[in-house]
Amino acid sequence: MHPLQAAPVSQVVVVSAASGKLVNLSTRAFVGTGDDVLIAGFIISGGAKRVMIMAEGPNLATLGVNGVLPDPMLTLFNSSGVAIANNDNYQESPDWLMMGLIGIRPKNPLESGILMTLAPGAYTAIVQGVGGQTGIALVSVHDTDDLDSPARLANISSRARAATDGDAQIIAGFIIKGGSKNVLLKGMGPSLAAQGVAGALDDPAISAFQGSTSIGNSDNWSSEAGADVITATGRGPDRANESAMVSTLAEGAYTVIMRGTRAPGVGLLSVDELLTAAQSKALGATALSLDIDKAFASVEALYGPELGKPDGVTQSKAGYRYRTYSGAHVLAVNEDGVPHMHYMGPLSGGMLQDLGLLTKWLGSPSLSQ
């Protein structure tokens, strides 16, 4: 059976009521060349949001990090893969004075910064070294809006090369404000190999900290405590030897470290918010539309050759949001009730085929190619 004809079943749960927001998301990792650049994906939901995105390298050396990237360059892409902004040295940006006024900017003139108001959607920031330089860099996304803004940063997923120890592990940081927050932390590698990523981690492990205090570890998530809760979110890792933790965290700053347990390799580390039912309802159609477009992109990334090119933008008709593709393929998500992904076309004999909950397809396709 073709994967587009599968029908997985799962339920979505939350850990507890939580009202906080993710206001700062960052990842520190080694930046190589080719497939080994640092790729960070993030999601904005609930409305337009002004964010400050930075790529730092030289400043890390002042903090005691060895082997930093001497001159990082930052490029921002939308969910269609179109570059919408780029910067090498932040002082060359037309917004560099505003960066100073809001108090969020790089500390070294060779570092990069992009200040933009972005519509709801999924975005990808790629950090690479000028002239093919390599080294450790930090990419960060900062929420510059008021805490009571309905728009929110919902996720960051970063793909890079992870060592087994030392400064070249992948390190993600995030800050929660405005109350506690349900989060799902994941470290993936084998599933990237299945998607064609060369040199993927064969056995990733993650550790989470608040300050210097350990708050959890994971190696093989499916055999660990909490696996049933992770499975019920519909967003657990695809492979049993990948890592995941789900928790309700209080306001504060947190760090997640991913390493290879046996050998270095390319891994994907993600921090995802989990909304309560009330929060999901409050975000309404905007959040649902975002999730649908992101899920379509996930299916396209995995099965693009079968689907062909989209014929146009996402459309709405008869209670479904859908996209059509060359070759009479159609992807659709129901707008009423619990959203499911559906397929109709040659692979299903022209019948509407249920592919399972929308959450099954909420990944970061641009990070796994």
Protein backbone atom coordinates (compact mmCIF):
# COMPACT_ATOMS: atom_id res chain seq x y z
CA MET A 1 0.00 0.00 0.00
CA HIS A 2 1.31 3.45 -0.93
CA PRO A 3 1.99 5.68 2.15
CA LEU A 4 -0.62 8.18 0.92
CA GLN A 5 -3.22 5.45 1.33
CA ALA A 6 -2.39 4.70 4.97
CA ALA A 7 -4.90 5.63 7.67
CA PRO A 8 -3.17 6.04 11.06
CA VAL A 9 -5.40 6.72 14.06
CA SER A 10 -4.46 8.77 17.14
CA GLN A 11 -5.93 11.14 19.69
CA VAL A 12 -4.79 14.62 20.71
CA VAL A 13 -4.37 15.34 24.43
CA VAL A 14 -2.81 18.07 26.55
CA VAL A 15 -0.84 17.65 29.75
CA SER A 16 -2.68 20.29 31.78
CA ALA A 17 -4.18 23.75 31.49
CA ALA A 18 -1.41 26.19 30.58
CA SER A 19 -1.57 29.80 29.42
CA GLY A 20 2.05 30.81 28.83
CA LYS A 21 3.76 31.69 25.56
CA LEU A 22 7.09 30.90 23.96
CA VAL A 23 8.78 34.30 23.52
CA ASN A 24 12.35 33.39 22.63
CA LEU A 25 13.54 30.34 20.69
CA SER A 26 17.16 29.64 19.82
CA THR A 27 19.49 26.87 18.67
CA ARG A 28 23.26 26.64 18.90
CA ALA A 29 24.97 24.13 16.62
CA PHE A 30 27.86 23.50 14.27
CA VAL A 31 27.49 25.11 10.85
CA GLY A 32 29.10 23.19 8.02
CA THR A 33 28.66 23.42 4.27
CA GLY A 34 26.17 21.83 1.89
CA ASP A 35 23.62 19.77 3.82
CA ASP A 36 25.42 20.55 7.08
CA VAL A 37 24.39 24.21 7.37
CA LEU A 38 22.20 25.19 10.34
CA ILE A 39 18.52 25.11 9.38
CA ALA A 40 15.93 26.46 11.82
CA GLY A 41 12.19 26.32 11.18
CA PHE A 42 9.64 28.19 13.24
CA ILE A 43 5.90 28.76 13.21
CA ILE A 44 3.83 31.88 13.83
CA SER A 45 0.16 31.37 14.67
CA GLY A 46 -2.77 33.49 15.79
CA GLY A 47 -1.95 36.59 13.72
CA ALA A 48 0.91 38.62 12.30
CA LYS A 49 3.95 39.00 14.54
CA ARG A 50 7.08 41.14 14.54
CA VAL A 51 10.13 39.00 15.21
CA MET A 52 13.85 39.59 15.45
CA ILE A 53 15.92 36.78 13.95
CA MET A 54 19.64 36.66 14.60
CA ALA A 55 22.65 34.56 13.59
CA GLU A 56 25.58 34.94 15.98
CA GLY A 57 29.09 33.55 15.87
CA PRO A 58 31.93 35.84 17.02
CA ASN A 59 30.04 36.80 20.18
CA LEU A 60 29.96 33.16 21.27
CA ALA A 61 33.74 33.21 21.60
CA THR A 62 33.43 35.85 24.34
CA LEU A 63 31.24 33.35 26.22
CA GLY A 64 33.89 30.64 26.10
CA VAL A 65 32.64 28.67 23.10
CA ASN A 66 35.43 27.17 21.00
CA GLY A 67 35.51 27.03 17.21
CA VAL A 68 32.84 29.64 16.48
CA LEU A 69 31.65 30.65 13.01
CA PRO A 70 33.66 33.80 12.17
CA ASP A 71 31.14 35.47 9.85
CA PRO A 72 27.59 34.07 9.76
CA MET A 73 25.06 34.87 7.06
CA LEU A 74 21.28 34.55 7.54
CA THR A 75 18.55 33.87 4.95
CA LEU A 76 14.81 33.65 5.72
CA PHE A 77 12.40 31.59 3.61
CA ASN A 78 8.62 31.33 3.66
CA SER A 79 6.68 28.05 3.56
CA SER A 80 6.86 28.02 -0.25
CA GLY A 81 10.65 27.99 -0.13
CA VAL A 82 10.97 31.57 -1.39
CA ALA A 83 13.73 33.68 0.17
CA ILE A 84 12.05 36.75 1.68
CA ALA A 85 15.00 38.33 3.48
CA ASN A 86 18.73 37.92 3.95
CA ASN A 87 21.48 39.63 5.89
CA ASP A 88 25.21 39.28 6.41
CA ASN A 89 26.17 42.10 8.77
CA TYR A 90 23.24 43.42 10.80
CA GLN A 91 24.37 47.05 10.60
CA GLU A 92 23.77 46.89 6.86
CA SER A 93 20.07 46.24 7.50
CA PRO A 94 17.71 49.20 6.97
CA ASP A 95 16.20 48.27 10.36
CA TRP A 96 19.40 48.24 12.37
CA LEU A 97 18.53 51.40 14.30
CA MET A 98 15.16 49.93 15.25
CA MET A 99 16.97 46.81 16.45
CA GLY A 100 18.83 49.00 18.90
CA LEU A 101 15.64 50.75 20.02
CA ILE A 102 13.91 47.48 20.87
CA GLY A 103 17.05 46.26 22.62
CA ILE A 104 17.51 43.06 20.62
CA ARG A 105 20.43 42.98 18.21
CA PRO A 106 23.72 41.10 17.67
CA LYS A 107 26.72 42.19 19.68
CA ASN A 108 29.24 41.89 16.86
CA PRO A 109 29.07 43.80 13.53
CA LEU A 110 29.89 40.59 11.61
CA GLU A 111 26.73 38.93 12.92
CA SER A 112 23.36 38.91 11.16
CA GLY A 113 19.92 40.23 11.99
CA ILE A 114 16.50 40.40 10.33
CA LEU A 115 13.64 42.40 11.89
CA MET A 116 10.32 41.69 10.17
CA THR A 117 6.59 41.49 10.73
CA LEU A 118 5.54 38.06 9.47
CA ALA A 119 2.11 36.70 8.62
CA PRO A 120 0.97 33.46 10.25
CA GLY A 121 2.80 30.56 8.71
CA ALA A 122 5.87 28.36 8.74
CA TYR A 123 9.29 29.89 8.10
CA THR A 124 12.83 28.59 7.70
CA ALA A 125 16.03 30.44 8.64
CA ILE A 126 19.30 29.11 7.21
CA VAL A 127 22.65 30.04 8.73
CA GLN A 128 25.81 29.50 6.73
CA GLY A 129 29.33 30.85 6.80
CA VAL A 130 30.41 33.58 4.40
CA GLY A 131 32.76 32.10 1.82
CA GLY A 132 32.16 28.55 3.05
CA GLN A 133 33.41 29.17 6.58
CA THR A 134 32.44 26.64 9.24
CA GLY A 135 32.04 26.77 13.00
CA ILE A 136 29.54 26.97 15.83
CA ALA A 137 26.73 29.55 15.56
CA LEU A 138 23.55 30.52 17.34
CA VAL A 139 20.29 31.21 15.51
CA SER A 140 17.50 32.82 17.52
CA VAL A 141 13.93 34.04 17.02
CA HIS A 142 12.65 36.71 19.41
CA ASP A 143 9.04 37.80 19.94
CA THR A 144 9.12 41.62 20.04
CA ASP A 145 5.36 42.11 20.58
CA ASP A 146 3.51 42.69 23.84
CA LEU A 147 2.79 39.58 25.89
CA ASP A 148 -0.97 40.01 25.47
CA SER A 149 -0.74 39.88 21.67
CA PRO A 150 -2.86 36.99 20.29
CA ALA A 151 -0.09 36.05 17.86
CA ARG A 152 2.47 33.56 19.13
CA LEU A 153 5.65 31.68 18.35
CA ALA A 154 4.52 28.06 18.30
CA ASN A 155 7.57 25.98 17.46
CA ILE A 156 11.23 25.87 16.51
CA SER A 157 12.81 22.88 14.79
CA SER A 158 16.52 22.99 14.04
CA ARG A 159 18.51 20.64 11.83
CA ALA A 160 22.28 20.52 12.12
CA ARG A 161 25.18 18.20 12.73
CA ALA A 162 25.34 16.96 16.34
CA ALA A 163 28.45 15.67 18.10
CA THR A 164 28.49 13.08 20.89
CA ASP A 165 29.68 15.65 23.45
CA GLY A 166 31.24 19.10 23.82
CA ASP A 167 30.37 22.42 22.18
CA ALA A 168 29.27 20.83 18.89
CA GLN A 169 26.16 19.21 20.35
CA ILE A 170 22.87 20.82 19.25
CA ILE A 171 21.62 23.11 22.02
CA ALA A 172 18.14 24.66 21.92
CA GLY A 173 16.99 27.36 24.32
CA PHE A 174 13.53 28.75 24.91
CA ILE A 175 11.82 31.16 27.29
CA ILE A 176 8.26 30.86 28.62
CA LYS A 177 6.39 33.95 29.85
CA GLY A 178 2.84 34.69 30.98
CA GLY A 179 2.23 31.41 32.77
CA SER A 180 3.08 27.74 32.41
CA LYS A 181 3.29 26.07 29.00
CA ASN A 182 2.80 22.54 27.68
CA VAL A 183 5.75 21.61 25.46
CA LEU A 184 6.87 18.61 23.45
CA LEU A 185 10.64 18.21 23.02
CA LYS A 186 11.97 15.90 20.30
CA GLY A 187 15.35 14.72 19.08
CA MET A 188 15.31 12.89 15.74
CA GLY A 189 17.84 11.24 13.46
CA PRO A 190 16.82 7.86 12.00
CA SER A 191 13.64 9.33 10.53
CA LEU A 192 15.79 11.87 8.66
CA ALA A 193 17.78 9.03 7.11
CA ALA A 194 14.50 7.52 5.90
CA GLN A 195 13.79 10.85 4.17
CA GLY A 196 17.10 10.84 2.34
CA VAL A 197 19.26 12.98 4.66
CA ALA A 198 22.85 11.78 4.42
CA GLY A 199 24.83 11.12 7.60
CA ALA A 200 21.83 11.27 9.96
CA LEU A 201 22.23 10.46 13.65
CA ASP A 202 21.55 6.78 14.24
CA ASP A 203 20.61 7.13 17.91
CA PRO A 204 19.93 10.65 19.28
CA ALA A 205 19.43 11.47 22.94
CA ILE A 206 18.13 14.68 24.54
CA SER A 207 18.48 16.24 27.98
CA ALA A 208 16.48 19.21 29.29
CA PHE A 209 17.55 21.73 31.92
CA GLN A 210 16.25 24.76 33.77
CA GLY A 211 19.46 26.57 34.56
CA SER A 212 21.82 23.84 35.78
CA THR A 213 18.98 21.66 37.10
CA SER A 214 18.12 18.61 35.02
CA ILE A 215 14.39 18.28 34.33
CA GLY A 216 14.45 15.20 32.12
CA ASN A 217 16.25 12.93 29.67
CA SER A 218 15.21 10.75 26.77
CA ASP A 219 16.97 8.24 24.57
CA ASN A 220 14.46 5.75 23.15
CA TRP A 221 11.12 7.48 23.74
CA SER A 222 8.71 4.63 22.99
CA SER A 223 9.98 2.54 25.91
CA GLU A 224 10.09 5.40 28.42
CA ALA A 225 7.59 6.82 30.91
CA GLY A 226 5.19 9.19 29.20
CA ALA A 227 5.28 7.40 25.85
CA ASP A 228 1.48 7.01 25.90
CA VAL A 229 1.01 10.75 26.35
CA ILE A 230 3.46 11.54 23.55
CA THR A 231 1.74 9.06 21.25
CA ALA A 232 -1.63 10.62 22.03
CA THR A 233 -0.46 14.05 20.86
CA GLY A 234 -0.08 12.65 17.36
CA ARG A 235 3.33 14.36 17.11
CA GLY A 236 5.68 11.73 18.50
CA PRO A 237 8.87 10.75 16.63
CA ASP A 238 8.52 8.22 13.83
CA ARG A 239 11.23 5.90 15.14
CA ALA A 240 11.42 4.10 18.49
CA ASN A 241 15.12 4.94 18.94
CA GLU A 242 14.50 8.68 18.71
CA SER A 243 13.91 10.92 21.73
CA ALA A 244 10.93 12.81 23.12
CA MET A 245 9.62 14.35 26.34
CA VAL A 246 6.34 16.12 27.10
CA SER A 247 5.87 18.35 30.12
CA THR A 248 4.11 21.36 31.61
CA LEU A 249 6.83 23.90 32.40
CA ALA A 250 6.63 27.02 34.58
CA GLU A 251 7.69 30.47 33.42
CA GLY A 252 11.42 30.66 32.90
CA ALA A 253 14.35 29.84 30.64
CA TYR A 254 15.09 26.29 29.52
CA THR A 255 17.77 24.45 27.57
CA VAL A 256 17.57 21.20 25.59
CA ILE A 257 20.74 19.42 24.45
CA MET A 258 20.81 16.77 21.72
CA ARG A 259 23.77 14.49 21.10
CA GLY A 260 24.59 11.29 19.28
CA THR A 261 24.87 8.38 21.68
CA ARG A 262 27.23 6.38 19.44
CA ALA A 263 28.46 8.67 16.67
CA PRO A 264 27.97 12.23 15.39
CA GLY A 265 25.49 12.95 12.63
CA VAL A 266 22.74 15.21 11.35
CA GLY A 267 19.82 15.54 13.75
CA LEU A 268 16.62 17.50 14.17
CA LEU A 269 15.81 19.04 17.56
CA SER A 270 12.38 20.60 18.07
CA VAL A 271 10.49 22.49 20.74
CA ASP A 272 6.71 22.42 20.10
CA GLU A 273 3.95 24.07 22.09
CA LEU A 274 0.89 21.97 22.92
CA LEU A 275 -2.30 23.99 23.18
CA THR A 276 -5.22 23.28 25.47
CA ALA A 277 -8.60 22.82 23.82
CA ALA A 278 -9.62 26.34 24.90
CA GLN A 279 -6.46 27.86 23.40
CA SER A 280 -6.98 26.01 20.14
CA LYS A 281 -10.55 27.29 19.94
CA ALA A 282 -9.45 30.86 20.74
CA LEU A 283 -6.93 30.81 17.90
CA GLY A 284 -9.78 29.75 15.64
CA ALA A 285 -9.66 29.56 11.88
CA THR A 286 -6.30 31.34 11.56
CA ALA A 287 -4.46 28.61 13.43
CA LEU A 288 -6.36 25.88 11.60
CA SER A 289 -5.48 27.44 8.25
CA LEU A 290 -1.82 27.60 9.29
CA ASP A 291 -1.83 23.95 10.37
CA ILE A 292 -3.48 22.88 7.13
CA ASP A 293 -0.96 24.71 4.93
CA LYS A 294 1.92 23.32 6.98
CA ALA A 295 0.51 19.78 6.74
CA PHE A 296 0.09 20.11 2.97
CA ALA A 297 3.73 21.19 2.75
CA SER A 298 4.74 18.16 4.82
CA VAL A 299 2.96 15.75 2.47
CA GLU A 300 4.41 17.55 -0.56
CA ALA A 301 7.93 17.29 0.85
CA LEU A 302 7.60 13.53 1.31
CA TYR A 303 5.59 12.61 -1.80
CA GLY A 304 6.23 15.45 -4.24
CA PRO A 305 7.19 13.20 -7.17
CA GLU A 306 3.88 11.33 -6.90
CA LEU A 307 1.74 14.44 -6.41
CA GLY A 308 3.39 16.72 -8.93
CA LYS A 309 3.29 20.51 -8.69
CA PRO A 310 0.39 22.30 -6.94
CA ASP A 311 -2.00 23.88 -9.40
CA GLY A 312 -2.52 26.93 -7.17
CA VAL A 313 -3.06 28.14 -3.63
CA THR A 314 -5.12 26.41 -0.94
CA GLN A 315 -8.85 26.74 -1.63
CA SER A 316 -12.00 26.20 0.40
CA LYS A 317 -15.18 24.43 -0.70
CA ALA A 318 -17.97 22.33 0.88
CA GLY A 319 -16.39 22.26 4.34
CA TYR A 320 -12.88 21.35 3.11
CA ARG A 321 -9.65 23.23 2.52
CA TYR A 322 -7.84 21.60 -0.38
CA ARG A 323 -5.01 21.75 -2.89
CA THR A 324 -5.01 20.25 -6.37
CA TYR A 325 -1.97 18.89 -8.16
CA SER A 326 -0.98 17.90 -11.67
CA GLY A 327 -2.12 14.39 -12.46
CA ALA A 328 -5.56 14.81 -10.79
CA HIS A 329 -4.25 14.41 -7.22
CA VAL A 330 -6.06 16.30 -4.42
CA LEU A 331 -5.18 16.82 -0.74
CA ALA A 332 -8.00 18.05 1.53
CA VAL A 333 -8.63 18.76 5.22
CA ASN A 334 -12.10 18.99 6.75
CA GLU A 335 -12.80 22.37 8.42
CA ASP A 336 -15.50 21.07 10.78
CA GLY A 337 -14.92 18.61 13.62
CA VAL A 338 -11.52 17.06 14.33
CA PRO A 339 -9.39 17.87 11.25
CA HIS A 340 -8.11 14.93 9.20
CA MET A 341 -5.91 14.84 6.12
CA HIS A 342 -7.56 13.27 3.07
CA TYR A 343 -6.37 12.23 -0.37
CA MET A 344 -8.36 11.74 -3.55
CA GLY A 345 -6.94 10.74 -6.92
CA PRO A 346 -5.41 7.90 -8.94
CA LEU A 347 -3.80 6.24 -5.90
CA SER A 348 -7.21 5.80 -4.23
CA GLY A 349 -9.24 4.97 -7.33
CA GLY A 350 -10.82 8.43 -7.24
CA MET A 351 -12.27 7.83 -3.76
CA LEU A 352 -11.74 10.14 -0.75
CA GLN A 353 -9.17 8.37 1.44
CA ASP A 354 -8.68 9.31 5.13
CA LEU A 355 -4.95 9.68 5.91
CA GLY A 356 -5.47 10.23 9.63
CA LEU A 357 -5.40 13.18 12.01
CA LEU A 358 -3.99 16.47 10.75
CA THR A 359 -1.44 16.34 13.60
CA LYS A 360 0.10 13.27 11.99
CA TRP A 361 1.31 15.51 9.17
CA LEU A 362 2.40 18.54 11.18
CA GLY A 363 6.14 18.36 10.61
CA SER A 364 8.85 20.67 9.31
CA PRO A 365 9.34 19.48 5.74
CA SER A 366 11.94 22.06 4.83
CA LEU A 367 14.18 20.69 7.58
CA SER A 368 14.18 17.12 6.35
CA GLN A 369 15.10 17.49 2.71
